[in-house]
């Protein structure tokens, strides 16, 4: 896993970042990566994790739920987690 030729984490889609993160976790779990390389890919994994969390937060912030009036007709929208 050569991180020097891989794209910048911020340029990856959520799906691409998760896929790469899964490959990193798999490589680290196998334990067949040299220590210096393990540290390098672990650091990239941390960056990927943060990127995925930021993308998920942005998606959650965009999700809204539809408010209904007493008759069940749409009345407007509000943030999903608002009660």
N, C-alpha and C. Protein backbone atom coordinates (compact mmCIF):
# COMPACT_ATOMS: atom_id res chain seq x y z
N UNK A 1 0.85 -1.17 0.00
CA UNK A 1 0.00 0.00 0.00
C UNK A 1 0.90 1.23 0.00
N UNK A 2 1.00 1.88 -1.12
CA UNK A 2 1.89 3.02 -1.28
C UNK A 2 1.09 4.32 -1.19
N UNK A 3 1.23 5.04 -0.07
CA UNK A 3 0.43 6.24 0.15
C UNK A 3 0.99 7.45 -0.57
N UNK A 4 2.21 7.39 -1.05
CA UNK A 4 2.79 8.55 -1.72
C UNK A 4 2.16 8.80 -3.08
N UNK A 5 1.59 7.77 -3.72
CA UNK A 5 0.97 7.96 -5.02
C UNK A 5 -0.56 8.01 -4.94
N UNK A 6 -1.11 7.96 -3.75
CA UNK A 6 -2.55 7.97 -3.59
C UNK A 6 -3.07 9.41 -3.55
N UNK A 7 -4.31 9.61 -3.96
CA UNK A 7 -4.88 10.95 -3.98
C UNK A 7 -5.03 11.52 -2.58
N UNK A 8 -5.08 12.85 -2.53
CA UNK A 8 -5.32 13.54 -1.27
C UNK A 8 -6.64 13.05 -0.69
N UNK A 9 -6.67 12.82 0.61
CA UNK A 9 -7.86 12.31 1.28
C UNK A 9 -9.07 13.19 1.00
N UNK A 10 -8.89 14.49 1.02
CA UNK A 10 -10.02 15.40 0.84
C UNK A 10 -10.64 15.32 -0.56
N UNK A 11 -9.94 14.72 -1.51
CA UNK A 11 -10.46 14.59 -2.87
C UNK A 11 -11.30 13.33 -3.05
N UNK A 12 -11.33 12.47 -2.04
CA UNK A 12 -12.04 11.19 -2.16
C UNK A 12 -13.51 11.33 -1.81
N UNK A 13 -14.34 10.55 -2.49
CA UNK A 13 -15.75 10.46 -2.11
C UNK A 13 -15.82 9.63 -0.84
N UNK A 14 -16.99 9.64 -0.21
CA UNK A 14 -17.18 8.83 1.00
C UNK A 14 -16.90 7.36 0.71
N UNK A 15 -17.45 6.88 -0.38
CA UNK A 15 -17.30 5.47 -0.74
C UNK A 15 -15.84 5.10 -0.98
N UNK A 16 -15.12 5.97 -1.69
CA UNK A 16 -13.70 5.71 -1.95
C UNK A 16 -12.90 5.70 -0.66
N UNK A 17 -13.20 6.63 0.24
CA UNK A 17 -12.47 6.72 1.51
C UNK A 17 -12.74 5.48 2.36
N UNK A 18 -13.99 5.04 2.42
CA UNK A 18 -14.32 3.85 3.20
C UNK A 18 -13.63 2.62 2.62
N UNK A 19 -13.63 2.50 1.31
CA UNK A 19 -12.97 1.36 0.66
C UNK A 19 -11.48 1.32 1.00
N UNK A 20 -10.82 2.48 0.92
CA UNK A 20 -9.40 2.52 1.25
C UNK A 20 -9.17 2.23 2.73
N UNK A 21 -10.02 2.78 3.57
CA UNK A 21 -9.91 2.54 5.01
C UNK A 21 -10.05 1.05 5.33
N UNK A 22 -10.96 0.38 4.65
CA UNK A 22 -11.13 -1.07 4.86
C UNK A 22 -9.87 -1.83 4.45
N UNK A 23 -9.24 -1.41 3.35
CA UNK A 23 -7.99 -2.06 2.93
C UNK A 23 -6.89 -1.85 3.97
N UNK A 24 -6.83 -0.64 4.54
CA UNK A 24 -5.82 -0.35 5.56
C UNK A 24 -6.04 -1.21 6.80
N UNK A 25 -7.28 -1.28 7.26
CA UNK A 25 -7.60 -2.08 8.44
C UNK A 25 -7.24 -3.54 8.20
N UNK A 26 -7.57 -4.04 7.03
CA UNK A 26 -7.26 -5.42 6.69
C UNK A 26 -5.75 -5.68 6.72
N UNK A 27 -4.99 -4.77 6.13
CA UNK A 27 -3.53 -4.92 6.11
C UNK A 27 -2.95 -4.89 7.52
N UNK A 28 -3.46 -3.98 8.35
CA UNK A 28 -2.95 -3.88 9.72
C UNK A 28 -3.35 -5.11 10.54
N UNK A 29 -4.54 -5.62 10.33
CA UNK A 29 -4.99 -6.81 11.07
C UNK A 29 -4.20 -8.05 10.69
N UNK A 30 -3.80 -8.14 9.41
CA UNK A 30 -2.99 -9.29 8.98
C UNK A 30 -1.62 -9.28 9.66
N UNK A 31 -1.12 -8.09 9.94
CA UNK A 31 0.17 -7.98 10.63
C UNK A 31 1.37 -8.26 9.75
N UNK A 32 1.19 -8.27 8.44
CA UNK A 32 2.31 -8.57 7.55
C UNK A 32 2.93 -7.31 6.95
N UNK A 33 2.72 -6.16 7.60
CA UNK A 33 3.25 -4.89 7.13
C UNK A 33 4.37 -4.47 8.08
N UNK A 34 5.48 -4.01 7.52
CA UNK A 34 6.60 -3.56 8.34
C UNK A 34 6.15 -2.43 9.26
N UNK A 35 6.84 -2.29 10.39
CA UNK A 35 6.45 -1.31 11.40
C UNK A 35 6.38 0.10 10.84
N UNK A 36 7.40 0.54 10.10
CA UNK A 36 7.38 1.91 9.57
C UNK A 36 6.24 2.11 8.58
N UNK A 37 5.94 1.10 7.78
CA UNK A 37 4.82 1.17 6.84
C UNK A 37 3.49 1.14 7.60
N UNK A 38 3.43 0.36 8.68
CA UNK A 38 2.22 0.30 9.50
C UNK A 38 1.88 1.67 10.06
N UNK A 39 2.88 2.37 10.53
CA UNK A 39 2.66 3.70 11.08
C UNK A 39 2.16 4.64 9.99
N UNK A 40 2.77 4.54 8.82
CA UNK A 40 2.38 5.40 7.69
C UNK A 40 0.93 5.16 7.27
N UNK A 41 0.55 3.89 7.12
CA UNK A 41 -0.81 3.63 6.68
C UNK A 41 -1.82 3.87 7.81
N UNK A 42 -1.40 3.70 9.05
CA UNK A 42 -2.28 4.02 10.18
C UNK A 42 -2.62 5.51 10.16
N UNK A 43 -1.61 6.34 9.93
CA UNK A 43 -1.84 7.79 9.86
C UNK A 43 -2.78 8.14 8.72
N UNK A 44 -2.62 7.49 7.58
CA UNK A 44 -3.54 7.73 6.47
C UNK A 44 -4.95 7.26 6.84
N UNK A 45 -5.03 6.15 7.53
CA UNK A 45 -6.32 5.66 7.99
C UNK A 45 -7.01 6.65 8.91
N UNK A 46 -6.27 7.28 9.79
CA UNK A 46 -6.84 8.31 10.67
C UNK A 46 -7.38 9.48 9.86
N UNK A 47 -6.64 9.89 8.85
CA UNK A 47 -7.09 10.99 7.99
C UNK A 47 -8.36 10.58 7.23
N UNK A 48 -8.40 9.34 6.75
CA UNK A 48 -9.57 8.84 6.05
C UNK A 48 -10.79 8.81 6.97
N UNK A 49 -10.58 8.36 8.20
CA UNK A 49 -11.66 8.30 9.18
C UNK A 49 -12.24 9.68 9.44
N UNK A 50 -11.38 10.66 9.64
CA UNK A 50 -11.83 12.04 9.88
C UNK A 50 -12.59 12.59 8.67
N UNK A 51 -12.10 12.27 7.48
CA UNK A 51 -12.76 12.72 6.26
C UNK A 51 -14.16 12.10 6.15
N UNK A 52 -14.27 10.81 6.44
CA UNK A 52 -15.58 10.14 6.39
C UNK A 52 -16.53 10.74 7.42
N UNK A 53 -16.04 11.01 8.61
CA UNK A 53 -16.88 11.61 9.65
C UNK A 53 -17.38 12.99 9.22
N UNK A 54 -16.52 13.77 8.59
CA UNK A 54 -16.92 15.10 8.12
C UNK A 54 -17.97 15.00 7.01
N UNK A 55 -17.78 14.05 6.09
CA UNK A 55 -18.76 13.87 5.03
C UNK A 55 -20.11 13.40 5.58
N UNK A 56 -20.08 12.51 6.57
CA UNK A 56 -21.33 12.05 7.18
C UNK A 56 -22.04 13.19 7.91
N UNK A 57 -21.28 14.00 8.62
CA UNK A 57 -21.86 15.14 9.34
C UNK A 57 -22.51 16.10 8.36
N UNK A 58 -21.85 16.38 7.25
CA UNK A 58 -22.41 17.27 6.24
C UNK A 58 -23.71 16.69 5.67
N UNK A 59 -23.74 15.39 5.44
CA UNK A 59 -24.95 14.75 4.93
C UNK A 59 -26.08 14.81 5.96
N UNK A 60 -25.75 14.55 7.21
CA UNK A 60 -26.76 14.61 8.27
C UNK A 60 -27.33 16.02 8.40
N UNK A 61 -26.49 17.02 8.27
CA UNK A 61 -26.94 18.40 8.38
C UNK A 61 -27.91 18.77 7.27
N UNK A 62 -27.85 18.09 6.15
CA UNK A 62 -28.72 18.39 5.01
C UNK A 62 -30.05 17.66 5.08
N UNK A 63 -30.14 16.63 5.90
CA UNK A 63 -31.35 15.83 5.98
C UNK A 63 -32.39 16.59 6.81
N UNK A 64 -33.58 16.64 6.29
CA UNK A 64 -34.67 17.31 6.99
C UNK A 64 -35.86 16.37 7.03
N UNK A 65 -36.70 16.60 8.01
CA UNK A 65 -37.94 15.82 8.03
C UNK A 65 -39.11 16.75 7.71
N UNK A 66 -40.12 16.17 7.13
CA UNK A 66 -41.30 16.94 6.72
C UNK A 66 -42.25 17.04 7.91
N UNK A 67 -42.67 18.26 8.21
CA UNK A 67 -43.68 18.47 9.26
C UNK A 67 -45.05 18.35 8.62
N UNK A 68 -45.94 17.69 9.34
CA UNK A 68 -47.31 17.54 8.86
C UNK A 68 -48.25 18.33 9.77
N UNK A 69 -49.31 18.86 9.18
CA UNK A 69 -50.32 19.53 10.00
C UNK A 69 -51.25 18.46 10.58
N UNK A 70 -52.26 18.89 11.34
CA UNK A 70 -53.16 17.93 12.01
C UNK A 70 -53.90 17.03 11.03
N UNK A 71 -54.08 17.50 9.83
CA UNK A 71 -54.77 16.70 8.81
C UNK A 71 -53.82 15.77 8.06
N UNK A 72 -52.54 15.83 8.38
CA UNK A 72 -51.56 14.96 7.73
C UNK A 72 -50.98 15.51 6.45
N UNK A 73 -51.25 16.80 6.18
CA UNK A 73 -50.71 17.42 4.97
C UNK A 73 -49.34 18.03 5.28
N UNK A 74 -48.42 17.98 4.32
CA UNK A 74 -47.11 18.61 4.53
C UNK A 74 -47.26 20.09 4.86
N UNK A 75 -46.55 20.53 5.89
CA UNK A 75 -46.63 21.90 6.34
C UNK A 75 -45.30 22.63 6.21
N UNK A 76 -44.22 21.92 6.14
CA UNK A 76 -42.89 22.52 6.05
C UNK A 76 -41.86 21.47 6.41
N UNK A 77 -40.64 21.94 6.61
CA UNK A 77 -39.57 21.02 7.01
C UNK A 77 -38.87 21.57 8.24
N UNK A 78 -38.15 20.67 8.92
CA UNK A 78 -37.35 21.04 10.08
C UNK A 78 -36.16 20.09 10.12
N UNK A 79 -35.12 20.43 10.87
CA UNK A 79 -33.97 19.52 10.98
C UNK A 79 -34.42 18.17 11.51
N UNK A 80 -33.78 17.12 11.05
CA UNK A 80 -34.18 15.77 11.38
C UNK A 80 -34.18 15.51 12.88
N UNK A 81 -33.20 16.04 13.62
CA UNK A 81 -33.09 15.73 15.05
C UNK A 81 -33.89 16.68 15.93
N UNK A 82 -34.63 17.62 15.38
CA UNK A 82 -35.44 18.54 16.18
C UNK A 82 -36.74 17.85 16.59
N UNK A 83 -37.17 18.12 17.79
CA UNK A 83 -38.44 17.54 18.26
C UNK A 83 -39.45 18.62 18.54
